[in-house]
Amino acid sequence: MKGNITVTESALAAILGLAAHEVPGVLGMSPAGIRESISRILGRSEASEGVVVKPDPNAAGKYQADLYVVVAFGSRIPTVVDSIGERVHWAAKSLAGAELSTVRIHVVGVSRG
């Protein structure tokens, strides 16, 4: 079957969020904005929570991703961040056929988990 497959930005964000959760040392994601914070308060949580995906205005067909993560106390943060970057690049390319031009990982918290 031939045709076009479109992966929406929200679907890509969910893939990246799930991929980040697989990295040892990642306890969870933090809401990326007020709308996500309200959803969490109301008890709604999605796989894309803590992930913002936007088209890259400087690179046609590529995306920029921001991930807001909470890491486990005692984890080596640089190692966890490197692993997240590798994992989300792989997931975007392998699972969604998408290219990420930029991945910014924001460690917004540390917890004993």
PDB file of N, CA and C in Angstrom:
ATOM      1  N   MET A   1       0.845  -1.176   0.000  1.00  0.00           N
ATOM      2  CA  MET A   1       0.000   0.000   0.000  1.00  0.00           C
ATOM      3  C   MET A   1       0.892   1.241   0.000  1.00  0.00           C
ATOM      4  N   LYS A   2       0.622   2.120  -0.899  1.00  0.00           N
ATOM      5  CA  LYS A   2       1.373   3.369  -0.967  1.00  0.00           C
ATOM      6  C   LYS A   2       0.460   4.521  -0.580  1.00  0.00           C
ATOM      7  N   GLY A   3       1.057   5.524   0.001  1.00  0.00           N
ATOM      8  CA  GLY A   3       0.304   6.697   0.419  1.00  0.00           C
ATOM      9  C   GLY A   3       1.121   7.498   1.403  1.00  0.00           C
ATOM     10  N   ASN A   4       0.525   8.508   1.909  1.00  0.00           N
ATOM     11  CA  ASN A   4       1.207   9.364   2.879  1.00  0.00           C
ATOM     12  C   ASN A   4       0.771   8.999   4.288  1.00  0.00           C
ATOM     13  N   ILE A   5       1.723   8.986   5.173  1.00  0.00           N
ATOM     14  CA  ILE A   5       1.446   8.776   6.588  1.00  0.00           C
ATOM     15  C   ILE A   5       1.777  10.076   7.296  1.00  0.00           C
ATOM     16  N   THR A   6       0.833  10.557   8.060  1.00  0.00           N
ATOM     17  CA  THR A   6       1.044  11.785   8.817  1.00  0.00           C
ATOM     18  C   THR A   6       1.032  11.467  10.296  1.00  0.00           C
ATOM     19  N   VAL A   7       2.082  11.851  10.979  1.00  0.00           N
ATOM     20  CA  VAL A   7       2.160  11.713  12.430  1.00  0.00           C
ATOM     21  C   VAL A   7       1.991  13.115  12.994  1.00  0.00           C
ATOM     22  N   THR A   8       0.954  13.311  13.772  1.00  0.00           N
ATOM     23  CA  THR A   8       0.691  14.642  14.313  1.00  0.00           C
ATOM     24  C   THR A   8       1.733  15.004  15.376  1.00  0.00           C
ATOM     25  N   GLU A   9       1.828  16.283  15.653  1.00  0.00           N
ATOM     26  CA  GLU A   9       2.757  16.744  16.684  1.00  0.00           C
ATOM     27  C   GLU A   9       2.391  16.159  18.047  1.00  0.00           C
ATOM     28  N   SER A  10       1.108  16.022  18.330  1.00  0.00           N
ATOM     29  CA  SER A  10       0.714  15.459  19.627  1.00  0.00           C
ATOM     30  C   SER A  10       1.062  13.970  19.702  1.00  0.00           C
ATOM     31  N   ALA A  11       0.931  13.247  18.593  1.00  0.00           N
ATOM     32  CA  ALA A  11       1.325  11.834  18.586  1.00  0.00           C
ATOM     33  C   ALA A  11       2.835  11.709  18.757  1.00  0.00           C
ATOM     34  N   LEU A  12       3.591  12.561  18.086  1.00  0.00           N
ATOM     35  CA  LEU A  12       5.049  12.544  18.232  1.00  0.00           C
ATOM     36  C   LEU A  12       5.438  12.872  19.672  1.00  0.00           C
ATOM     37  N   ALA A  13       4.751  13.836  20.279  1.00  0.00           N
ATOM     38  CA  ALA A  13       5.028  14.194  21.675  1.00  0.00           C
ATOM     39  C   ALA A  13       4.768  13.004  22.595  1.00  0.00           C
ATOM     40  N   ALA A  14       3.707  12.255  22.335  1.00  0.00           N
ATOM     41  CA  ALA A  14       3.410  11.073  23.150  1.00  0.00           C
ATOM     42  C   ALA A  14       4.505  10.024  22.996  1.00  0.00           C
ATOM     43  N   ILE A  15       4.967   9.807  21.778  1.00  0.00           N
ATOM     44  CA  ILE A  15       6.053   8.845  21.532  1.00  0.00           C
ATOM     45  C   ILE A  15       7.312   9.262  22.283  1.00  0.00           C
ATOM     46  N   LEU A  16       7.644  10.541  22.229  1.00  0.00           N
ATOM     47  CA  LEU A  16       8.845  11.034  22.908  1.00  0.00           C
ATOM     48  C   LEU A  16       8.702  10.927  24.422  1.00  0.00           C
ATOM     49  N   GLY A  17       7.517  11.229  24.947  1.00  0.00           N
ATOM     50  CA  GLY A  17       7.292  11.123  26.380  1.00  0.00           C
ATOM     51  C   GLY A  17       7.421   9.691  26.867  1.00  0.00           C
ATOM     52  N   LEU A  18       6.852   8.751  26.122  1.00  0.00           N
ATOM     53  CA  LEU A  18       6.961   7.343  26.501  1.00  0.00           C
ATOM     54  C   LEU A  18       8.403   6.865  26.406  1.00  0.00           C
ATOM     55  N   ALA A  19       9.122   7.328  25.387  1.00  0.00           N
ATOM     56  CA  ALA A  19      10.530   6.945  25.241  1.00  0.00           C
ATOM     57  C   ALA A  19      11.366   7.485  26.398  1.00  0.00           C
ATOM     58  N   ALA A  20      11.101   8.715  26.815  1.00  0.00           N
ATOM     59  CA  ALA A  20      11.845   9.306  27.929  1.00  0.00           C
ATOM     60  C   ALA A  20      11.592   8.542  29.226  1.00  0.00           C
ATOM     61  N   HIS A  21      10.355   8.072  29.416  1.00  0.00           N
ATOM     62  CA  HIS A  21      10.022   7.307  30.623  1.00  0.00           C
ATOM     63  C   HIS A  21      10.810   6.009  30.717  1.00  0.00           C
ATOM     64  N   GLU A  22      11.280   5.478  29.591  1.00  0.00           N
ATOM     65  CA  GLU A  22      12.019   4.220  29.584  1.00  0.00           C
ATOM     66  C   GLU A  22      13.467   4.370  30.062  1.00  0.00           C
ATOM     67  N   VAL A  23      13.940   5.595  30.159  1.00  0.00           N
ATOM     68  CA  VAL A  23      15.336   5.842  30.541  1.00  0.00           C
ATOM     69  C   VAL A  23      15.493   5.682  32.056  1.00  0.00           C
ATOM     70  N   PRO A  24      16.443   4.843  32.497  1.00  0.00           N
ATOM     71  CA  PRO A  24      16.687   4.710  33.944  1.00  0.00           C
ATOM     72  C   PRO A  24      17.056   6.065  34.548  1.00  0.00           C
ATOM     73  N   GLY A  25      16.447   6.358  35.674  1.00  0.00           N
ATOM     74  CA  GLY A  25      16.697   7.633  36.344  1.00  0.00           C
ATOM     75  C   GLY A  25      15.608   8.653  36.112  1.00  0.00           C
ATOM     76  N   VAL A  26      14.733   8.414  35.130  1.00  0.00           N
ATOM     77  CA  VAL A  26      13.619   9.329  34.884  1.00  0.00           C
ATOM     78  C   VAL A  26      12.433   8.859  35.713  1.00  0.00           C
ATOM     79  N   LEU A  27      11.979   9.717  36.623  1.00  0.00           N
ATOM     80  CA  LEU A  27      10.827   9.367  37.456  1.00  0.00           C
ATOM     81  C   LEU A  27       9.519   9.780  36.808  1.00  0.00           C
ATOM     82  N   GLY A  28       9.564  10.825  36.019  1.00  0.00           N
ATOM     83  CA  GLY A  28       8.341  11.293  35.385  1.00  0.00           C
ATOM     84  C   GLY A  28       8.578  12.580  34.643  1.00  0.00           C
ATOM     85  N   MET A  29       7.490  13.100  34.141  1.00  0.00           N
ATOM     86  CA  MET A  29       7.534  14.335  33.383  1.00  0.00           C
ATOM     87  C   MET A  29       6.791  15.405  34.177  1.00  0.00           C
ATOM     88  N   SER A  30       7.179  16.629  33.960  1.00  0.00           N
ATOM     89  CA  SER A  30       6.552  17.754  34.628  1.00  0.00           C
ATOM     90  C   SER A  30       5.702  18.512  33.620  1.00  0.00           C
ATOM     91  N   PRO A  31       4.556  19.025  34.036  1.00  0.00           N
ATOM     92  CA  PRO A  31       3.744  19.789  33.092  1.00  0.00           C
ATOM     93  C   PRO A  31       4.548  20.911  32.442  1.00  0.00           C
ATOM     94  N   ALA A  32       4.374  21.058  31.138  1.00  0.00           N
ATOM     95  CA  ALA A  32       5.145  22.039  30.381  1.00  0.00           C
ATOM     96  C   ALA A  32       4.494  23.412  30.356  1.00  0.00           C
ATOM     97  N   GLY A  33       3.268  23.511  30.819  1.00  0.00           N
ATOM     98  CA  GLY A  33       2.592  24.803  30.785  1.00  0.00           C
ATOM     99  C   GLY A  33       1.371  24.799  31.676  1.00  0.00           C
ATOM    100  N   ILE A  34       0.674  25.902  31.714  1.00  0.00           N
ATOM    101  CA  ILE A  34      -0.485  26.055  32.585  1.00  0.00           C
ATOM    102  C   ILE A  34      -1.597  25.092  32.208  1.00  0.00           C
ATOM    103  N   ARG A  35      -1.815  24.854  30.913  1.00  0.00           N
ATOM    104  CA  ARG A  35      -2.876  23.952  30.490  1.00  0.00           C
ATOM    105  C   ARG A  35      -2.608  22.529  30.989  1.00  0.00           C
ATOM    106  N   GLU A  36      -1.346  22.077  30.888  1.00  0.00           N
ATOM    107  CA  GLU A  36      -1.001  20.747  31.395  1.00  0.00           C
ATOM    108  C   GLU A  36      -1.129  20.698  32.914  1.00  0.00           C
ATOM    109  N   SER A  37      -0.786  21.783  33.592  1.00  0.00           N
ATOM    110  CA  SER A  37      -0.910  21.819  35.051  1.00  0.00           C
ATOM    111  C   SER A  37      -2.371  21.668  35.472  1.00  0.00           C
ATOM    112  N   ILE A  38      -3.267  22.342  34.771  1.00  0.00           N
ATOM    113  CA  ILE A  38      -4.698  22.247  35.078  1.00  0.00           C
ATOM    114  C   ILE A  38      -5.199  20.832  34.807  1.00  0.00           C
ATOM    115  N   SER A  39      -4.771  20.235  33.698  1.00  0.00           N
ATOM    116  CA  SER A  39      -5.175  18.861  33.385  1.00  0.00           C
ATOM    117  C   SER A  39      -4.728  17.901  34.478  1.00  0.00           C
ATOM    118  N   ARG A  40      -3.516  18.087  34.980  1.00  0.00           N
ATOM    119  CA  ARG A  40      -3.005  17.201  36.038  1.00  0.00           C
ATOM    120  C   ARG A  40      -3.839  17.379  37.306  1.00  0.00           C
ATOM    121  N   ILE A  41      -4.185  18.614  37.642  1.00  0.00           N
ATOM    122  CA  ILE A  41      -5.009  18.875  38.821  1.00  0.00           C
ATOM    123  C   ILE A  41      -6.366  18.188  38.683  1.00  0.00           C
ATOM    124  N   LEU A  42      -6.906  18.186  37.471  1.00  0.00           N
ATOM    125  CA  LEU A  42      -8.207  17.561  37.228  1.00  0.00           C
ATOM    126  C   LEU A  42      -8.104  16.044  37.088  1.00  0.00           C
ATOM    127  N   GLY A  43      -6.891  15.512  37.204  1.00  0.00           N
ATOM    128  CA  GLY A  43      -6.723  14.064  37.171  1.00  0.00           C
ATOM    129  C   GLY A  43      -6.516  13.480  35.796  1.00  0.00           C
ATOM    130  N   ARG A  44      -6.310  14.320  34.808  1.00  0.00           N
ATOM    131  CA  ARG A  44      -6.065  13.822  33.456  1.00  0.00           C
ATOM    132  C   ARG A  44      -4.575  13.914  33.162  1.00  0.00           C
ATOM    133  N   SER A  45      -4.004  12.806  32.756  1.00  0.00           N
ATOM    134  CA  SER A  45      -2.591  12.776  32.409  1.00  0.00           C
ATOM    135  C   SER A  45      -2.453  12.051  31.085  1.00  0.00           C
ATOM    136  N   GLU A  46      -1.571  12.528  30.252  1.00  0.00           N
ATOM    137  CA  GLU A  46      -1.372  11.928  28.947  1.00  0.00           C
ATOM    138  C   GLU A  46       0.088  11.572  28.762  1.00  0.00           C
ATOM    139  N   ALA A  47       0.343  10.678  27.810  1.00  0.00           N
ATOM    140  CA  ALA A  47       1.716  10.268  27.514  1.00  0.00           C
ATOM    141  C   ALA A  47       2.560  11.451  27.058  1.00  0.00           C
ATOM    142  N   SER A  48       1.915  12.464  26.486  1.00  0.00           N
ATOM    143  CA  SER A  48       2.656  13.612  25.963  1.00  0.00           C
ATOM    144  C   SER A  48       2.945  14.665  27.029  1.00  0.00           C
ATOM    145  N   GLU A  49       2.500  14.424  28.263  1.00  0.00           N
ATOM    146  CA  GLU A  49       2.725  15.405  29.327  1.00  0.00           C
ATOM    147  C   GLU A  49       4.214  15.689  29.485  1.00  0.00           C
ATOM    148  N   GLY A  50       4.554  16.949  29.573  1.00  0.00           N
ATOM    149  CA  GLY A  50       5.943  17.341  29.755  1.00  0.00           C
ATOM    150  C   GLY A  50       6.746  17.373  28.475  1.00  0.00           C
ATOM    151  N   VAL A  51       6.070  17.255  27.336  1.00  0.00           N
ATOM    152  CA  VAL A  51       6.763  17.280  26.042  1.00  0.00           C
ATOM    153  C   VAL A  51       6.089  18.316  25.160  1.00  0.00           C
ATOM    154  N   VAL A  52       6.893  19.196  24.576  1.00  0.00           N
ATOM    155  CA  VAL A  52       6.397  20.184  23.629  1.00  0.00           C
ATOM    156  C   VAL A  52       7.131  19.963  22.310  1.00  0.00           C
ATOM    157  N   VAL A  53       6.374  19.713  21.257  1.00  0.00           N
ATOM    158  CA  VAL A  53       6.947  19.480  19.927  1.00  0.00           C
ATOM    159  C   VAL A  53       6.421  20.550  18.992  1.00  0.00           C
ATOM    160  N   LYS A  54       7.348  21.174  18.252  1.00  0.00           N
ATOM    161  CA  LYS A  54       6.983  22.209  17.280  1.00  0.00           C
ATOM    162  C   LYS A  54       7.800  22.000  16.009  1.00  0.00           C
ATOM    163  N   PRO A  55       7.226  22.367  14.861  1.00  0.00           N
ATOM    164  CA  PRO A  55       8.034  22.324  13.638  1.00  0.00           C
ATOM    165  C   PRO A  55       9.207  23.296  13.768  1.00  0.00           C
ATOM    166  N   ASP A  56      10.351  22.916  13.232  1.00  0.00           N
ATOM    167  CA  ASP A  56      11.523  23.795  13.255  1.00  0.00           C
ATOM    168  C   ASP A  56      11.377  24.807  12.125  1.00  0.00           C
ATOM    169  N   PRO A  57      11.287  26.098  12.455  1.00  0.00           N
ATOM    170  CA  PRO A  57      11.118  27.100  11.398  1.00  0.00           C
ATOM    171  C   PRO A  57      12.341  27.233  10.489  1.00  0.00           C
ATOM    172  N   ASN A  58      13.483  26.722  10.944  1.00  0.00           N
ATOM    173  CA  ASN A  58      14.717  26.846  10.172  1.00  0.00           C
ATOM    174  C   ASN A  58      15.095  25.577   9.415  1.00  0.00           C
ATOM    175  N   ALA A  59      14.349  24.498   9.628  1.00  0.00           N
ATOM    176  CA  ALA A  59      14.672  23.226   8.978  1.00  0.00           C
ATOM    177  C   ALA A  59      13.368  22.545   8.564  1.00  0.00           C
ATOM    178  N   ALA A  60      13.033  22.663   7.311  1.00  0.00           N
ATOM    179  CA  ALA A  60      11.774  22.112   6.798  1.00  0.00           C
ATOM    180  C   ALA A  60      11.691  20.612   7.053  1.00  0.00           C
ATOM    181  N   GLY A  61      10.543  20.178   7.572  1.00  0.00           N
ATOM    182  CA  GLY A  61      10.305  18.769   7.808  1.00  0.00           C
ATOM    183  C   GLY A  61      10.903  18.229   9.093  1.00  0.00           C
ATOM    184  N   LYS A  62      11.559  19.076   9.874  1.00  0.00           N
ATOM    185  CA  LYS A  62      12.147  18.644  11.143  1.00  0.00           C
ATOM    186  C   LYS A  62      11.412  19.321  12.296  1.00  0.00           C
ATOM    187  N   TYR A  63      11.609  18.751  13.479  1.00  0.00           N
ATOM    188  CA  TYR A  63      10.913  19.243  14.659  1.00  0.00           C
ATOM    189  C   TYR A  63      11.883  19.603  15.771  1.00  0.00           C
ATOM    190  N   GLN A  64      11.413  20.492  16.638  1.00  0.00           N
ATOM    191  CA  GLN A  64      12.115  20.838  17.866  1.00  0.00           C
ATOM    192  C   GLN A  64      11.312  20.240  19.013  1.00  0.00           C
ATOM    193  N   ALA A  65      12.010  19.688  20.004  1.00  0.00           N
ATOM    194  CA  ALA A  65      11.320  19.091  21.144  1.00  0.00           C
ATOM    195  C   ALA A  65      11.906  19.596  22.447  1.00  0.00           C
ATOM    196  N   ASP A  66      11.017  19.931  23.368  1.00  0.00           N
ATOM    197  CA  ASP A  66      11.398  20.293  24.728  1.00  0.00           C
ATOM    198  C   ASP A  66      10.769  19.266  25.650  1.00  0.00           C
ATOM    199  N   LEU A  67      11.590  18.668  26.526  1.00  0.00           N
ATOM    200  CA  LEU A  67      11.110  17.682  27.490  1.00  0.00           C
ATOM    201  C   LEU A  67      11.402  18.196  28.892  1.00  0.00           C
ATOM    202  N   TYR A  68      10.391  18.138  29.764  1.00  0.00           N
ATOM    203  CA  TYR A  68      10.497  18.616  31.134  1.00  0.00           C
ATOM    204  C   TYR A  68      10.437  17.391  32.038  1.00  0.00           C
ATOM    205  N   VAL A  69      11.586  17.029  32.638  1.00  0.00           N
ATOM    206  CA  VAL A  69      11.674  15.762  33.357  1.00  0.00           C
ATOM    207  C   VAL A  69      12.002  15.935  34.837  1.00  0.00           C
ATOM    208  N   VAL A  70      11.615  14.917  35.597  1.00  0.00           N
ATOM    209  CA  VAL A  70      11.978  14.798  37.006  1.00  0.00           C
ATOM    210  C   VAL A  70      12.853  13.557  37.102  1.00  0.00           C
ATOM    211  N   VAL A  71      14.041  13.714  37.687  1.00  0.00           N
ATOM    212  CA  VAL A  71      14.976  12.591  37.783  1.00  0.00           C
ATOM    213  C   VAL A  71      15.069  12.090  39.222  1.00  0.00           C
ATOM    214  N   ALA A  72      15.513  10.857  39.337  1.00  0.00           N
ATOM    215  CA  ALA A  72      15.662  10.226  40.648  1.00  0.00           C
ATOM    216  C   ALA A  72      16.880  10.791  41.362  1.00  0.00           C
ATOM    217  N   PHE A  73      16.729  11.035  42.659  1.00  0.00           N
ATOM    218  CA  PHE A  73      17.841  11.479  43.476  1.00  0.00           C
ATOM    219  C   PHE A  73      18.933  10.406  43.425  1.00  0.00           C
ATOM    220  N   GLY A  74      20.161  10.843  43.255  1.00  0.00           N
ATOM    221  CA  GLY A  74      21.286   9.914  43.180  1.00  0.00           C
ATOM    222  C   GLY A  74      21.682   9.562  41.761  1.00  0.00           C
ATOM    223  N   SER A  75      20.824   9.904  40.806  1.00  0.00           N
ATOM    224  CA  SER A  75      21.168   9.650  39.402  1.00  0.00           C
ATOM    225  C   SER A  75      22.163  10.695  38.931  1.00  0.00           C
ATOM    226  N   ARG A  76      23.036  10.287  38.021  1.00  0.00           N
ATOM    227  CA  ARG A  76      23.959  11.256  37.415  1.00  0.00           C
ATOM    228  C   ARG A  76      23.176  11.997  36.334  1.00  0.00           C
ATOM    229  N   ILE A  77      22.813  13.218  36.622  1.00  0.00           N
ATOM    230  CA  ILE A  77      21.948  13.988  35.733  1.00  0.00           C
ATOM    231  C   ILE A  77      22.515  14.084  34.317  1.00  0.00           C
ATOM    232  N   PRO A  78      23.812  14.376  34.115  1.00  0.00           N
ATOM    233  CA  PRO A  78      24.317  14.431  32.734  1.00  0.00           C
ATOM    234  C   PRO A  78      24.137  13.103  31.980  1.00  0.00           C
ATOM    235  N   THR A  79      24.308  11.986  32.676  1.00  0.00           N
ATOM    236  CA  THR A  79      24.133  10.679  32.041  1.00  0.00           C
ATOM    237  C   THR A  79      22.675  10.454  31.668  1.00  0.00           C
ATOM    238  N   VAL A  80      21.760  10.806  32.580  1.00  0.00           N
ATOM    239  CA  VAL A  80      20.327  10.645  32.315  1.00  0.00           C
ATOM    240  C   VAL A  80      19.920  11.520  31.128  1.00  0.00           C
ATOM    241  N   VAL A  81      20.379  12.761  31.109  1.00  0.00           N
ATOM    242  CA  VAL A  81      20.041  13.687  30.025  1.00  0.00           C
ATOM    243  C   VAL A  81      20.565  13.169  28.687  1.00  0.00           C
ATOM    244  N   ASP A  82      21.801  12.685  28.651  1.00  0.00           N
ATOM    245  CA  ASP A  82      22.353  12.119  27.414  1.00  0.00           C
ATOM    246  C   ASP A  82      21.525  10.931  26.942  1.00  0.00           C
ATOM    247  N   SER A  83      21.127  10.075  27.871  1.00  0.00           N
ATOM    248  CA  SER A  83      20.332   8.898  27.524  1.00  0.00           C
ATOM    249  C   SER A  83      18.961   9.290  26.991  1.00  0.00           C
ATOM    250  N   ILE A  84      18.351  10.297  27.591  1.00  0.00           N
ATOM    251  CA  ILE A  84      17.051  10.782  27.105  1.00  0.00           C
ATOM    252  C   ILE A  84      17.199  11.288  25.671  1.00  0.00           C
ATOM    253  N   GLY A  85      18.234  12.095  25.440  1.00  0.00           N
ATOM    254  CA  GLY A  85      18.453  12.634  24.094  1.00  0.00           C
ATOM    255  C   GLY A  85      18.603  11.537  23.057  1.00  0.00           C
ATOM    256  N   GLU A  86      19.421  10.541  23.369  1.00  0.00           N
ATOM    257  CA  GLU A  86      19.610   9.425  22.434  1.00  0.00           C
ATOM    258  C   GLU A  86      18.310   8.664  22.211  1.00  0.00           C
ATOM    259  N   ARG A  87      17.583   8.409  23.287  1.00  0.00           N
ATOM    260  CA  ARG A  87      16.353   7.612  23.203  1.00  0.00           C
ATOM    261  C   ARG A  87      15.271   8.332  22.406  1.00  0.00           C
ATOM    262  N   VAL A  88      15.092   9.633  22.630  1.00  0.00           N
ATOM    263  CA  VAL A  88      14.029  10.336  21.905  1.00  0.00           C
ATOM    264  C   VAL A  88      14.379  10.537  20.436  1.00  0.00           C
ATOM    265  N   HIS A  89      15.661  10.748  20.132  1.00  0.00           N
ATOM    266  CA  HIS A  89      16.058  10.832  18.720  1.00  0.00           C
ATOM    267  C   HIS A  89      15.756   9.513  18.023  1.00  0.00           C
ATOM    268  N   TRP A  90      16.118   8.392  18.680  1.00  0.00           N
ATOM    269  CA  TRP A  90      15.858   7.072  18.113  1.00  0.00           C
ATOM    270  C   TRP A  90      14.357   6.844  17.928  1.00  0.00           C
ATOM    271  N   ALA A  91      13.570   7.160  18.952  1.00  0.00           N
ATOM    272  CA  ALA A  91      12.125   6.928  18.901  1.00  0.00           C
ATOM    273  C   ALA A  91      11.469   7.758  17.805  1.00  0.00           C
ATOM    274  N   ALA A  92      11.865   9.013  17.687  1.00  0.00           N
ATOM    275  CA  ALA A  92      11.283   9.868  16.652  1.00  0.00           C
ATOM    276  C   ALA A  92      11.547   9.291  15.272  1.00  0.00           C
ATOM    277  N   LYS A  93      12.781   8.915  15.023  1.00  0.00           N
ATOM    278  CA  LYS A  93      13.177   8.409  13.703  1.00  0.00           C
ATOM    279  C   LYS A  93      12.599   7.018  13.440  1.00  0.00           C
ATOM    280  N   SER A  94      12.786   6.099  14.393  1.00  0.00           N
ATOM    281  CA  SER A  94      12.413   4.704  14.185  1.00  0.00           C
ATOM    282  C   SER A  94      10.914   4.445  14.281  1.00  0.00           C
ATOM    283  N   LEU A  95      10.256   5.095  15.217  1.00  0.00           N
ATOM    284  CA  LEU A  95       8.849   4.810  15.460  1.00  0.00           C
ATOM    285  C   LEU A  95       7.898   5.737  14.713  1.00  0.00           C
ATOM    286  N   ALA A  96       8.340   6.966  14.451  1.00  0.00           N
ATOM    287  CA  ALA A  96       7.445   7.932  13.809  1.00  0.00           C
ATOM    288  C   ALA A  96       7.946   8.410  12.452  1.00  0.00           C
ATOM    289  N   GLY A  97       9.182   8.072  12.099  1.00  0.00           N
ATOM    290  CA  GLY A  97       9.728   8.547  10.828  1.00  0.00           C
ATOM    291  C   GLY A  97       9.943  10.046  10.814  1.00  0.00           C
ATOM    292  N   ALA A  98      10.167  10.623  12.001  1.00  0.00           N
ATOM    293  CA  ALA A  98      10.341  12.074  12.123  1.00  0.00           C
ATOM    294  C   ALA A  98      11.779  12.391  12.507  1.00  0.00           C
ATOM    295  N   GLU A  99      12.244  13.542  12.059  1.00  0.00           N
ATOM    296  CA  GLU A  99      13.593  14.008  12.392  1.00  0.00           C
ATOM    297  C   GLU A  99      13.498  15.143  13.398  1.00  0.00           C
ATOM    298  N   LEU A 100      14.320  15.062  14.426  1.00  0.00           N
ATOM    299  CA  LEU A 100      14.399  16.128  15.415  1.00  0.00           C
ATOM    300  C   LEU A 100      15.664  16.934  15.168  1.00  0.00           C
ATOM    301  N   SER A 101      15.501  18.233  14.960  1.00  0.00           N
ATOM    302  CA  SER A 101      16.668  19.093  14.769  1.00  0.00           C
ATOM    303  C   SER A 101      17.234  19.532  16.117  1.00  0.00           C
ATOM    304  N   THR A 102      16.345  19.688  17.090  1.00  0.00           N
ATOM    305  CA  THR A 102      16.743  20.167  18.404  1.00  0.00           C
ATOM    306  C   THR A 102      15.967  19.420  19.475  1.00  0.00           C
ATOM    307  N   VAL A 103      16.677  18.962  20.493  1.00  0.00           N
ATOM    308  CA  VAL A 103      16.040  18.379  21.675  1.00  0.00           C
ATOM    309  C   VAL A 103      16.619  19.112  22.881  1.00  0.00           C
ATOM    310  N   ARG A 104      15.731  19.766  23.631  1.00  0.00           N
ATOM    311  CA  ARG A 104      16.132  20.455  24.853  1.00  0.00           C
ATOM    312  C   ARG A 104      15.501  19.707  26.023  1.00  0.00           C
ATOM    313  N   ILE A 105      16.342  19.300  26.959  1.00  0.00           N
ATOM    314  CA  ILE A 105      15.862  18.553  28.117  1.00  0.00           C
ATOM    315  C   ILE A 105      16.016  19.440  29.340  1.00  0.00           C
ATOM    316  N   HIS A 106      14.890  19.705  29.982  1.00  0.00           N
ATOM    317  CA  HIS A 106      14.860  20.572  31.155  1.00  0.00           C
ATOM    318  C   HIS A 106      14.641  19.696  32.382  1.00  0.00           C
ATOM    319  N   VAL A 107      15.629  19.614  33.246  1.00  0.00           N
ATOM    320  CA  VAL A 107      15.483  18.873  34.493  1.00  0.00           C
ATOM    321  C   VAL A 107      14.845  19.849  35.478  1.00  0.00           C
ATOM    322  N   VAL A 108      13.568  19.611  35.751  1.00  0.00           N
ATOM    323  CA  VAL A 108      12.805  20.571  36.579  1.00  0.00           C
ATOM    324  C   VAL A 108      12.614  20.092  38.004  1.00  0.00           C
ATOM    325  N   GLY A 109      13.104  18.881  38.286  1.00  0.00           N
ATOM    326  CA  GLY A 109      12.978  18.394  39.639  1.00  0.00           C
ATOM    327  C   GLY A 109      13.800  17.151  39.883  1.00  0.00           C
ATOM    328  N   VAL A 110      14.074  16.909  41.156  1.00  0.00           N
ATOM    329  CA  VAL A 110      14.777  15.711  41.601  1.00  0.00           C
ATOM    330  C   VAL A 110      13.955  15.161  42.766  1.00  0.00           C
ATOM    331  N   SER A 111      13.717  13.862  42.742  1.00  0.00           N
ATOM    332  CA  SER A 111      12.884  13.269  43.785  1.00  0.00           C
ATOM    333  C   SER A 111      13.431  11.907  44.199  1.00  0.00           C
ATOM    334  N   ARG A 112      13.073  11.490  45.385  1.00  0.00           N
ATOM    335  CA  ARG A 112      13.509  10.175  45.859  1.00  0.00           C
ATOM    336  C   ARG A 112      12.718   9.060  45.205  1.00  0.00           C
ATOM    337  N   GLY A 113      11.608   9.388  44.556  1.00  0.00           N
ATOM    338  CA  GLY A 113      10.816   8.421  43.797  1.00  0.00           C
ATOM    339  C   GLY A 113      10.344   7.311  44.605  1.00  0.00           C
TER     340      GLY A 113
END
